[in-house]
N, C-alpha and C. Protein backbone atom coordinates (compact mmCIF):
# COMPACT_ATOMS: atom_id res chain seq x y z
N MET A 1 138.81 -178.90 9.66
CA MET A 1 138.57 -179.22 8.27
C MET A 1 138.74 -180.71 8.03
N ARG A 2 138.11 -181.19 7.02
CA ARG A 2 138.10 -182.62 6.71
C ARG A 2 138.90 -182.87 5.44
N TYR A 3 139.66 -183.94 5.42
CA TYR A 3 140.38 -184.34 4.21
C TYR A 3 139.47 -185.22 3.38
N GLU A 4 139.20 -184.81 2.17
CA GLU A 4 138.37 -185.59 1.28
C GLU A 4 139.29 -186.29 0.30
N SER A 5 139.35 -187.59 0.37
CA SER A 5 140.27 -188.32 -0.50
C SER A 5 139.83 -188.26 -1.94
N LEU A 6 140.74 -188.54 -2.82
CA LEU A 6 140.41 -188.54 -4.24
C LEU A 6 139.37 -189.58 -4.57
N LEU A 7 139.36 -190.66 -3.82
CA LEU A 7 138.37 -191.70 -4.08
C LEU A 7 136.96 -191.23 -3.77
N GLU A 8 136.83 -190.27 -2.86
CA GLU A 8 135.52 -189.75 -2.51
C GLU A 8 135.10 -188.61 -3.42
N SER A 9 136.03 -188.07 -4.21
CA SER A 9 135.72 -186.96 -5.10
C SER A 9 134.90 -187.46 -6.28
N PRO A 10 134.01 -186.63 -6.78
CA PRO A 10 133.23 -187.02 -7.94
C PRO A 10 134.12 -187.37 -9.12
N ALA A 11 133.81 -188.45 -9.80
CA ALA A 11 134.63 -188.91 -10.93
C ALA A 11 134.64 -187.91 -12.06
N SER A 12 133.67 -187.03 -12.14
CA SER A 12 133.59 -186.07 -13.24
C SER A 12 134.61 -184.94 -13.11
N LEU A 13 135.23 -184.79 -11.95
CA LEU A 13 136.20 -183.72 -11.75
C LEU A 13 137.52 -184.04 -12.44
N THR A 14 138.21 -183.01 -12.93
CA THR A 14 139.54 -183.22 -13.49
C THR A 14 140.52 -183.42 -12.35
N THR A 15 141.75 -183.83 -12.68
CA THR A 15 142.76 -184.04 -11.64
C THR A 15 142.96 -182.78 -10.81
N GLY A 16 143.12 -181.63 -11.44
CA GLY A 16 143.32 -180.39 -10.72
C GLY A 16 142.15 -180.06 -9.80
N GLU A 17 140.93 -180.30 -10.29
CA GLU A 17 139.75 -180.04 -9.46
C GLU A 17 139.70 -180.99 -8.27
N ARG A 18 140.12 -182.25 -8.47
CA ARG A 18 140.14 -183.21 -7.36
C ARG A 18 141.14 -182.76 -6.30
N VAL A 19 142.31 -182.30 -6.75
CA VAL A 19 143.32 -181.86 -5.80
C VAL A 19 142.82 -180.64 -5.03
N GLN A 20 142.06 -179.77 -5.70
CA GLN A 20 141.52 -178.60 -5.02
C GLN A 20 140.51 -179.00 -3.95
N HIS A 21 140.03 -180.24 -3.97
CA HIS A 21 139.11 -180.72 -2.94
C HIS A 21 139.84 -181.31 -1.75
N THR A 22 141.14 -181.09 -1.67
CA THR A 22 141.93 -181.49 -0.51
C THR A 22 141.80 -180.37 0.51
N TYR A 23 141.07 -180.61 1.58
CA TYR A 23 140.73 -179.54 2.50
C TYR A 23 141.61 -179.48 3.74
N GLN A 24 142.39 -180.46 4.00
CA GLN A 24 143.22 -180.46 5.20
C GLN A 24 144.51 -179.69 4.94
N GLU A 25 144.86 -178.82 5.86
CA GLU A 25 146.11 -178.08 5.72
C GLU A 25 147.28 -179.04 5.87
N PRO A 26 148.33 -178.89 5.05
CA PRO A 26 149.50 -179.76 5.21
C PRO A 26 150.07 -179.63 6.62
N PRO A 27 150.66 -180.71 7.14
CA PRO A 27 151.24 -180.65 8.49
C PRO A 27 152.37 -179.61 8.56
N ALA A 28 152.46 -178.95 9.69
CA ALA A 28 153.56 -177.99 9.90
C ALA A 28 154.87 -178.77 10.03
N ILE A 29 155.94 -178.17 9.57
CA ILE A 29 157.25 -178.80 9.69
C ILE A 29 157.80 -178.49 11.08
N GLU A 30 158.23 -179.53 11.75
CA GLU A 30 158.83 -179.38 13.07
C GLU A 30 160.33 -179.64 12.97
N ALA A 31 161.08 -179.14 13.93
CA ALA A 31 162.52 -179.39 13.97
C ALA A 31 162.76 -180.90 13.94
N ARG A 32 163.76 -181.31 13.22
CA ARG A 32 164.20 -182.69 13.07
C ARG A 32 163.28 -183.53 12.18
N THR A 33 162.38 -182.89 11.44
CA THR A 33 161.60 -183.60 10.43
C THR A 33 162.53 -183.92 9.28
N LEU A 34 162.57 -185.16 8.82
CA LEU A 34 163.40 -185.52 7.69
C LEU A 34 162.75 -185.00 6.41
N MET A 35 163.48 -184.10 5.73
CA MET A 35 162.98 -183.46 4.51
C MET A 35 163.75 -184.00 3.31
N GLN A 36 163.18 -183.75 2.15
CA GLN A 36 163.82 -184.26 0.93
C GLN A 36 163.46 -183.37 -0.24
N LYS A 37 164.39 -183.28 -1.17
CA LYS A 37 164.22 -182.47 -2.38
C LYS A 37 164.90 -183.17 -3.54
N ALA A 38 164.20 -183.25 -4.67
CA ALA A 38 164.83 -183.77 -5.88
C ALA A 38 165.80 -182.70 -6.39
N ILE A 39 167.00 -183.13 -6.76
CA ILE A 39 168.02 -182.19 -7.24
C ILE A 39 168.02 -182.20 -8.77
N PRO A 40 167.83 -181.03 -9.40
CA PRO A 40 167.93 -180.99 -10.86
C PRO A 40 169.30 -181.51 -11.29
N PRO A 41 169.35 -182.26 -12.39
CA PRO A 41 170.63 -182.85 -12.83
C PRO A 41 171.79 -181.87 -12.90
N ARG A 42 171.55 -180.64 -13.34
CA ARG A 42 172.64 -179.66 -13.48
C ARG A 42 173.20 -179.19 -12.14
N LEU A 43 172.51 -179.47 -11.02
CA LEU A 43 172.98 -179.02 -9.71
C LEU A 43 173.66 -180.10 -8.88
N VAL A 44 173.64 -181.34 -9.32
CA VAL A 44 174.25 -182.42 -8.54
C VAL A 44 175.74 -182.15 -8.35
N GLU A 45 176.46 -181.90 -9.41
CA GLU A 45 177.90 -181.67 -9.33
C GLU A 45 178.23 -180.40 -8.53
N PRO A 46 177.52 -179.27 -8.73
CA PRO A 46 177.80 -178.09 -7.90
C PRO A 46 177.58 -178.34 -6.40
N TYR A 47 176.58 -179.14 -6.04
CA TYR A 47 176.41 -179.48 -4.63
C TYR A 47 177.63 -180.26 -4.14
N LEU A 48 177.98 -181.32 -4.86
CA LEU A 48 179.04 -182.21 -4.39
C LEU A 48 180.42 -181.56 -4.36
N THR A 49 180.63 -180.51 -5.15
CA THR A 49 181.93 -179.84 -5.16
C THR A 49 181.94 -178.58 -4.30
N GLY A 50 180.83 -178.30 -3.62
CA GLY A 50 180.78 -177.16 -2.72
C GLY A 50 180.48 -175.83 -3.38
N ARG A 51 180.15 -175.83 -4.66
CA ARG A 51 179.82 -174.58 -5.34
C ARG A 51 178.37 -174.18 -5.09
N ARG A 52 177.55 -175.09 -4.60
CA ARG A 52 176.17 -174.78 -4.19
C ARG A 52 176.06 -175.13 -2.72
N THR A 53 175.73 -174.13 -1.89
CA THR A 53 175.73 -174.34 -0.44
C THR A 53 174.38 -174.04 0.21
N VAL A 54 173.34 -173.90 -0.61
CA VAL A 54 172.01 -173.62 -0.08
C VAL A 54 170.98 -174.58 -0.68
N ILE A 55 169.87 -174.69 0.03
CA ILE A 55 168.72 -175.44 -0.46
C ILE A 55 167.65 -174.40 -0.75
N ALA A 56 166.98 -174.53 -1.89
CA ALA A 56 165.91 -173.61 -2.26
C ALA A 56 164.90 -174.34 -3.12
N GLY A 57 163.67 -173.86 -3.11
CA GLY A 57 162.63 -174.43 -3.95
C GLY A 57 161.70 -175.36 -3.18
N PHE A 58 161.00 -176.20 -3.92
CA PHE A 58 160.03 -177.10 -3.31
C PHE A 58 160.73 -178.25 -2.58
N ALA A 59 160.20 -178.57 -1.41
CA ALA A 59 160.74 -179.67 -0.60
C ALA A 59 159.56 -180.43 0.00
N TYR A 60 159.85 -181.64 0.47
CA TYR A 60 158.79 -182.55 0.94
C TYR A 60 159.28 -183.32 2.16
N ARG A 61 158.36 -183.74 2.99
CA ARG A 61 158.74 -184.62 4.09
C ARG A 61 159.10 -185.97 3.49
N ALA A 62 160.21 -186.54 3.90
CA ALA A 62 160.65 -187.83 3.35
C ALA A 62 159.64 -188.93 3.63
N VAL A 63 158.95 -188.85 4.76
CA VAL A 63 157.96 -189.87 5.10
C VAL A 63 156.84 -189.94 4.05
N ASP A 64 156.60 -188.84 3.35
CA ASP A 64 155.53 -188.80 2.35
C ASP A 64 155.98 -189.26 0.96
N CYS A 65 157.28 -189.31 0.73
CA CYS A 65 157.73 -189.59 -0.64
C CYS A 65 159.06 -190.33 -0.68
N SER A 66 159.17 -191.40 0.07
CA SER A 66 160.39 -192.22 0.04
C SER A 66 160.23 -193.31 -1.01
N PHE A 67 160.35 -192.91 -2.26
CA PHE A 67 160.19 -193.83 -3.38
C PHE A 67 161.53 -194.44 -3.77
N THR A 68 161.48 -195.55 -4.48
CA THR A 68 162.70 -196.15 -5.01
C THR A 68 162.62 -196.29 -6.52
N ASP A 69 161.91 -195.38 -7.15
CA ASP A 69 161.84 -195.38 -8.60
C ASP A 69 161.78 -193.92 -9.06
N PRO A 70 162.68 -193.51 -9.93
CA PRO A 70 162.66 -192.13 -10.41
C PRO A 70 161.31 -191.71 -10.99
N ALA A 71 160.61 -192.61 -11.65
CA ALA A 71 159.31 -192.28 -12.23
C ALA A 71 158.29 -191.89 -11.16
N ASP A 72 158.38 -192.51 -9.99
CA ASP A 72 157.47 -192.16 -8.90
C ASP A 72 157.74 -190.74 -8.40
N PHE A 73 159.02 -190.38 -8.27
CA PHE A 73 159.37 -189.02 -7.87
C PHE A 73 158.82 -188.03 -8.89
N TYR A 74 159.01 -188.35 -10.17
CA TYR A 74 158.57 -187.46 -11.24
C TYR A 74 157.06 -187.21 -11.15
N GLN A 75 156.30 -188.28 -11.00
CA GLN A 75 154.84 -188.15 -10.94
C GLN A 75 154.37 -187.51 -9.64
N ALA A 76 154.83 -188.03 -8.52
CA ALA A 76 154.32 -187.62 -7.21
C ALA A 76 154.69 -186.19 -6.85
N LEU A 77 155.86 -185.72 -7.28
CA LEU A 77 156.33 -184.41 -6.88
C LEU A 77 156.15 -183.35 -7.96
N ASP A 78 155.36 -183.66 -8.98
CA ASP A 78 155.06 -182.70 -10.05
C ASP A 78 156.32 -182.15 -10.70
N LEU A 79 157.27 -183.04 -11.01
CA LEU A 79 158.55 -182.60 -11.59
C LEU A 79 158.46 -182.33 -13.08
N GLY A 80 157.29 -182.46 -13.67
CA GLY A 80 157.11 -182.22 -15.10
C GLY A 80 156.69 -180.79 -15.41
N TYR A 81 157.04 -179.84 -14.57
CA TYR A 81 156.67 -178.45 -14.79
C TYR A 81 157.40 -177.87 -16.00
N GLU A 82 156.88 -176.77 -16.53
CA GLU A 82 157.47 -176.12 -17.69
C GLU A 82 158.92 -175.72 -17.41
N GLY A 83 159.83 -176.10 -18.27
CA GLY A 83 161.25 -175.78 -18.12
C GLY A 83 162.03 -176.76 -17.25
N SER A 84 161.38 -177.80 -16.78
CA SER A 84 162.02 -178.77 -15.90
C SER A 84 163.09 -179.58 -16.62
N GLU A 85 164.14 -179.90 -15.88
CA GLU A 85 165.19 -180.79 -16.39
C GLU A 85 164.83 -182.26 -16.16
N PHE A 86 163.82 -182.50 -15.34
CA PHE A 86 163.40 -183.87 -15.04
C PHE A 86 162.53 -184.40 -16.17
N ARG A 87 162.62 -185.72 -16.39
CA ARG A 87 161.81 -186.38 -17.41
C ARG A 87 161.19 -187.64 -16.80
N ALA A 88 160.05 -188.02 -17.31
CA ALA A 88 159.35 -189.20 -16.79
C ALA A 88 160.16 -190.48 -17.00
N ASP A 89 161.02 -190.52 -18.01
CA ASP A 89 161.77 -191.74 -18.33
C ASP A 89 163.19 -191.75 -17.77
N MET A 90 163.51 -190.87 -16.83
CA MET A 90 164.86 -190.84 -16.26
C MET A 90 165.16 -192.15 -15.54
N GLN A 91 166.37 -192.65 -15.73
CA GLN A 91 166.78 -193.89 -15.07
C GLN A 91 167.38 -193.65 -13.69
N GLU A 92 167.67 -192.39 -13.38
CA GLU A 92 168.18 -192.05 -12.06
C GLU A 92 167.75 -190.64 -11.70
N ILE A 93 167.64 -190.43 -10.41
CA ILE A 93 167.33 -189.10 -9.89
C ILE A 93 168.10 -188.97 -8.58
N TYR A 94 168.59 -187.78 -8.32
CA TYR A 94 169.31 -187.53 -7.07
C TYR A 94 168.41 -186.75 -6.13
N VAL A 95 168.43 -187.13 -4.86
CA VAL A 95 167.66 -186.41 -3.85
C VAL A 95 168.57 -185.98 -2.71
N LEU A 96 168.25 -184.82 -2.17
CA LEU A 96 168.94 -184.27 -1.02
C LEU A 96 168.02 -184.47 0.17
N ARG A 97 168.53 -185.06 1.25
CA ARG A 97 167.74 -185.30 2.47
C ARG A 97 168.44 -184.62 3.64
N TRP A 98 167.65 -184.01 4.52
CA TRP A 98 168.21 -183.32 5.67
C TRP A 98 167.15 -183.25 6.77
N MET A 99 167.63 -183.01 7.97
CA MET A 99 166.74 -182.80 9.10
C MET A 99 166.41 -181.31 9.18
N ALA A 100 165.14 -180.99 9.25
CA ALA A 100 164.72 -179.59 9.34
C ALA A 100 165.29 -178.96 10.61
N THR A 101 165.87 -177.80 10.46
CA THR A 101 166.45 -177.09 11.60
C THR A 101 165.77 -175.76 11.85
N ALA A 102 165.09 -175.21 10.88
CA ALA A 102 164.43 -173.92 11.00
C ALA A 102 163.00 -174.06 10.48
N PRO A 103 162.08 -174.58 11.31
CA PRO A 103 160.72 -174.84 10.84
C PRO A 103 160.05 -173.65 10.16
N GLY A 104 160.36 -172.44 10.56
CA GLY A 104 159.75 -171.26 9.95
C GLY A 104 160.16 -171.02 8.51
N ALA A 105 161.20 -171.70 8.04
CA ALA A 105 161.69 -171.52 6.68
C ALA A 105 160.84 -172.26 5.64
N TYR A 106 159.95 -173.12 6.09
CA TYR A 106 159.16 -173.95 5.19
C TYR A 106 157.76 -173.35 5.03
N ARG A 107 157.52 -172.74 3.88
CA ARG A 107 156.22 -172.11 3.61
C ARG A 107 155.34 -173.03 2.79
N ILE A 108 154.04 -172.98 3.04
CA ILE A 108 153.08 -173.77 2.27
C ILE A 108 152.64 -172.91 1.09
N PRO A 109 152.82 -173.40 -0.13
CA PRO A 109 152.50 -172.59 -1.32
C PRO A 109 151.01 -172.64 -1.69
N TYR A 110 150.26 -171.69 -1.15
CA TYR A 110 148.84 -171.59 -1.47
C TYR A 110 148.61 -170.61 -2.61
N SER A 111 147.65 -170.93 -3.45
CA SER A 111 147.26 -170.02 -4.53
C SER A 111 146.42 -168.88 -3.94
N ALA A 112 146.19 -167.85 -4.74
CA ALA A 112 145.38 -166.71 -4.31
C ALA A 112 143.97 -167.16 -3.94
N GLU A 113 143.44 -168.16 -4.63
CA GLU A 113 142.10 -168.67 -4.33
C GLU A 113 141.99 -169.25 -2.92
N LEU A 114 143.12 -169.67 -2.38
CA LEU A 114 143.12 -170.25 -1.03
C LEU A 114 143.78 -169.31 -0.01
N GLY A 115 143.89 -168.04 -0.37
CA GLY A 115 144.42 -167.06 0.58
C GLY A 115 145.91 -166.84 0.50
N GLY A 116 146.57 -167.46 -0.44
CA GLY A 116 148.01 -167.28 -0.59
C GLY A 116 148.35 -166.28 -1.66
N ASP A 117 149.62 -166.24 -2.03
CA ASP A 117 150.04 -165.31 -3.08
C ASP A 117 150.85 -166.03 -4.16
N TRP A 118 150.63 -167.32 -4.27
CA TRP A 118 151.38 -168.11 -5.24
C TRP A 118 150.60 -168.23 -6.54
N THR A 119 151.34 -168.14 -7.64
CA THR A 119 150.78 -168.43 -8.95
C THR A 119 151.72 -169.41 -9.61
N GLY A 120 151.20 -170.24 -10.42
CA GLY A 120 152.03 -171.22 -11.11
C GLY A 120 151.22 -171.94 -12.16
N LYS A 121 151.93 -172.43 -13.13
CA LYS A 121 151.28 -173.20 -14.19
C LYS A 121 151.17 -174.65 -13.75
N PRO A 122 150.20 -175.37 -14.30
CA PRO A 122 150.10 -176.80 -13.97
C PRO A 122 151.43 -177.49 -14.27
N PRO A 123 151.81 -178.42 -13.44
CA PRO A 123 150.99 -179.15 -12.48
C PRO A 123 150.82 -178.50 -11.11
N PHE A 124 151.34 -177.28 -10.89
CA PHE A 124 151.19 -176.62 -9.60
C PHE A 124 149.70 -176.49 -9.27
N ALA A 125 149.30 -176.97 -8.08
CA ALA A 125 147.90 -176.97 -7.69
C ALA A 125 147.54 -175.80 -6.78
N GLY A 126 148.50 -175.28 -6.01
CA GLY A 126 148.22 -174.16 -5.12
C GLY A 126 147.45 -174.52 -3.87
N THR A 127 147.37 -175.82 -3.56
CA THR A 127 146.61 -176.29 -2.40
C THR A 127 147.48 -176.63 -1.21
N GLY A 128 148.81 -176.59 -1.41
CA GLY A 128 149.72 -177.07 -0.37
C GLY A 128 150.05 -178.53 -0.58
N TYR A 129 149.50 -179.11 -1.64
CA TYR A 129 149.74 -180.51 -1.99
C TYR A 129 150.09 -180.60 -3.47
N THR A 130 150.81 -181.65 -3.83
CA THR A 130 151.08 -181.89 -5.25
C THR A 130 149.79 -182.35 -5.91
N SER A 131 149.80 -182.42 -7.23
CA SER A 131 148.60 -182.83 -7.97
C SER A 131 148.56 -184.32 -8.27
N TRP A 132 149.43 -185.10 -7.66
CA TRP A 132 149.49 -186.55 -7.91
C TRP A 132 148.13 -187.18 -7.60
N THR A 133 147.60 -187.92 -8.55
CA THR A 133 146.25 -188.49 -8.38
C THR A 133 146.21 -189.66 -7.41
N GLU A 134 147.31 -190.38 -7.24
CA GLU A 134 147.31 -191.52 -6.31
C GLU A 134 147.22 -191.07 -4.86
N ARG A 135 147.97 -190.03 -4.52
CA ARG A 135 147.98 -189.53 -3.14
C ARG A 135 148.70 -188.19 -3.14
N PRO A 136 147.96 -187.10 -3.07
CA PRO A 136 148.63 -185.79 -3.04
C PRO A 136 149.65 -185.72 -1.91
N ILE A 137 150.82 -185.18 -2.21
CA ILE A 137 151.93 -185.09 -1.27
C ILE A 137 151.99 -183.65 -0.73
N PRO A 138 152.04 -183.46 0.60
CA PRO A 138 152.21 -182.10 1.12
C PRO A 138 153.51 -181.50 0.58
N GLU A 139 153.42 -180.25 0.12
CA GLU A 139 154.61 -179.59 -0.41
C GLU A 139 154.89 -178.30 0.32
N TYR A 140 156.17 -177.98 0.37
CA TYR A 140 156.64 -176.80 1.10
C TYR A 140 157.62 -176.06 0.20
N PHE A 141 157.81 -174.80 0.46
CA PHE A 141 158.76 -174.02 -0.34
C PHE A 141 159.76 -173.36 0.59
N ILE A 142 161.02 -173.40 0.16
CA ILE A 142 162.12 -172.79 0.91
C ILE A 142 162.74 -171.72 0.02
N ASP A 143 162.86 -170.49 0.53
CA ASP A 143 163.52 -169.45 -0.25
C ASP A 143 165.01 -169.73 -0.37
N LEU A 144 165.72 -169.71 0.73
CA LEU A 144 167.14 -170.07 0.79
C LEU A 144 167.44 -170.57 2.18
N LEU A 145 168.07 -171.70 2.26
CA LEU A 145 168.42 -172.30 3.54
C LEU A 145 169.82 -172.89 3.41
N PRO A 146 170.77 -172.52 4.28
CA PRO A 146 172.09 -173.14 4.21
C PRO A 146 171.95 -174.66 4.39
N ILE A 147 172.75 -175.41 3.69
CA ILE A 147 172.70 -176.87 3.81
C ILE A 147 173.04 -177.25 5.25
N PRO A 148 172.13 -177.95 5.94
CA PRO A 148 172.42 -178.33 7.33
C PRO A 148 173.51 -179.42 7.41
N VAL A 149 174.28 -179.37 8.47
CA VAL A 149 175.26 -180.43 8.73
C VAL A 149 174.50 -181.74 8.82
N GLY A 150 175.04 -182.77 8.20
CA GLY A 150 174.41 -184.09 8.22
C GLY A 150 173.51 -184.36 7.03
N ALA A 151 173.27 -183.36 6.18
CA ALA A 151 172.46 -183.57 4.98
C ALA A 151 173.12 -184.67 4.14
N GLU A 152 172.31 -185.40 3.39
CA GLU A 152 172.82 -186.50 2.57
C GLU A 152 172.24 -186.43 1.17
N ILE A 153 173.01 -186.92 0.21
CA ILE A 153 172.56 -187.05 -1.17
C ILE A 153 172.48 -188.53 -1.49
N PHE A 154 171.37 -188.91 -2.13
CA PHE A 154 171.17 -190.29 -2.56
C PHE A 154 170.89 -190.31 -4.06
N ARG A 155 171.35 -191.34 -4.71
CA ARG A 155 171.06 -191.60 -6.12
C ARG A 155 169.98 -192.67 -6.14
N ILE A 156 168.85 -192.35 -6.75
CA ILE A 156 167.72 -193.26 -6.82
C ILE A 156 167.66 -193.85 -8.22
N THR A 157 167.68 -195.16 -8.31
CA THR A 157 167.48 -195.89 -9.56
C THR A 157 166.33 -196.87 -9.30
N PRO A 158 165.72 -197.43 -10.34
CA PRO A 158 164.59 -198.32 -10.09
C PRO A 158 164.93 -199.41 -9.06
N GLY A 159 164.22 -199.39 -7.94
CA GLY A 159 164.39 -200.40 -6.91
C GLY A 159 165.54 -200.19 -5.95
N GLN A 160 166.26 -199.06 -6.06
CA GLN A 160 167.45 -198.89 -5.21
C GLN A 160 167.68 -197.43 -4.85
N ALA A 161 168.11 -197.20 -3.62
CA ALA A 161 168.54 -195.87 -3.17
C ALA A 161 169.99 -196.02 -2.71
N GLU A 162 170.89 -195.39 -3.43
CA GLU A 162 172.33 -195.51 -3.16
C GLU A 162 172.85 -194.23 -2.48
N PHE A 163 173.46 -194.38 -1.31
CA PHE A 163 174.06 -193.26 -0.61
C PHE A 163 175.22 -192.71 -1.44
N VAL A 164 175.26 -191.39 -1.61
CA VAL A 164 176.33 -190.76 -2.39
C VAL A 164 177.28 -189.99 -1.49
N ALA A 165 176.74 -189.13 -0.61
CA ALA A 165 177.62 -188.28 0.21
C ALA A 165 176.85 -187.68 1.39
N ARG A 166 177.62 -187.26 2.41
CA ARG A 166 177.07 -186.60 3.61
C ARG A 166 177.82 -185.28 3.81
N TYR A 167 177.08 -184.23 4.14
CA TYR A 167 177.66 -182.90 4.33
C TYR A 167 178.13 -182.74 5.77
N ASP A 168 179.38 -182.34 5.97
CA ASP A 168 179.92 -182.20 7.33
C ASP A 168 179.95 -180.74 7.80
N GLY A 169 179.36 -179.86 7.02
CA GLY A 169 179.36 -178.44 7.35
C GLY A 169 180.32 -177.64 6.51
N GLN A 170 181.27 -178.35 5.88
CA GLN A 170 182.23 -177.68 5.01
C GLN A 170 182.33 -178.37 3.65
N VAL A 171 182.34 -179.69 3.65
CA VAL A 171 182.48 -180.45 2.40
C VAL A 171 181.53 -181.65 2.43
N TRP A 172 181.30 -182.19 1.24
CA TRP A 172 180.53 -183.43 1.11
C TRP A 172 181.50 -184.60 1.20
N LEU A 173 181.25 -185.50 2.13
CA LEU A 173 182.10 -186.67 2.33
C LEU A 173 181.47 -187.86 1.61
N ARG A 174 182.28 -188.48 0.77
CA ARG A 174 181.81 -189.66 0.02
C ARG A 174 182.37 -190.92 0.65
N PRO A 175 181.64 -192.02 0.53
CA PRO A 175 182.16 -193.27 1.10
C PRO A 175 183.44 -193.70 0.38
N THR A 176 184.29 -194.37 1.13
CA THR A 176 185.51 -194.89 0.54
C THR A 176 185.18 -196.16 -0.24
N GLU A 177 186.07 -196.59 -1.06
CA GLU A 177 185.88 -197.81 -1.86
C GLU A 177 185.55 -198.97 -0.95
N GLY A 178 184.57 -199.75 -1.34
CA GLY A 178 184.19 -200.92 -0.55
C GLY A 178 183.22 -200.61 0.57
N TYR A 179 182.72 -199.38 0.62
CA TYR A 179 181.78 -198.96 1.66
C TYR A 179 180.50 -199.76 1.62
């Protein structure tokens, strides 16, 4: 199959129609692929205090979305879905990054039109890619995955990614003062 870029798509198509013209299957996740997920604001504290010990929902390869502006995460990862806690004007966003350990846990969310069983309201495209017009990002879905040892949380503010903590398998370790 051939990947047809948005620039090659007819200008008369809507954003969703352009994304549906993405014909290349997203790359398979391999062991040790650096993955990343935006953390809803209400879950940051439960992660850091050990009350949340799993990863679930949409995730992305870090190589595809290593942004340093919360607005870019919001746009590129379709975080403006109905009921979302994320906002386009957020001054900070937290992301969880980890090395993939169970490649089979990462499913590509295809709509019924593309042979899958996923349904969703826009901005969900159902193509295996986000609907971002600049460059669709391959997206994956995880049902439930224990947080892998070595996972890290970063706080993203405009122009900066600040390390917050690293998971050692039991607790999140934060840097000491002056780190």
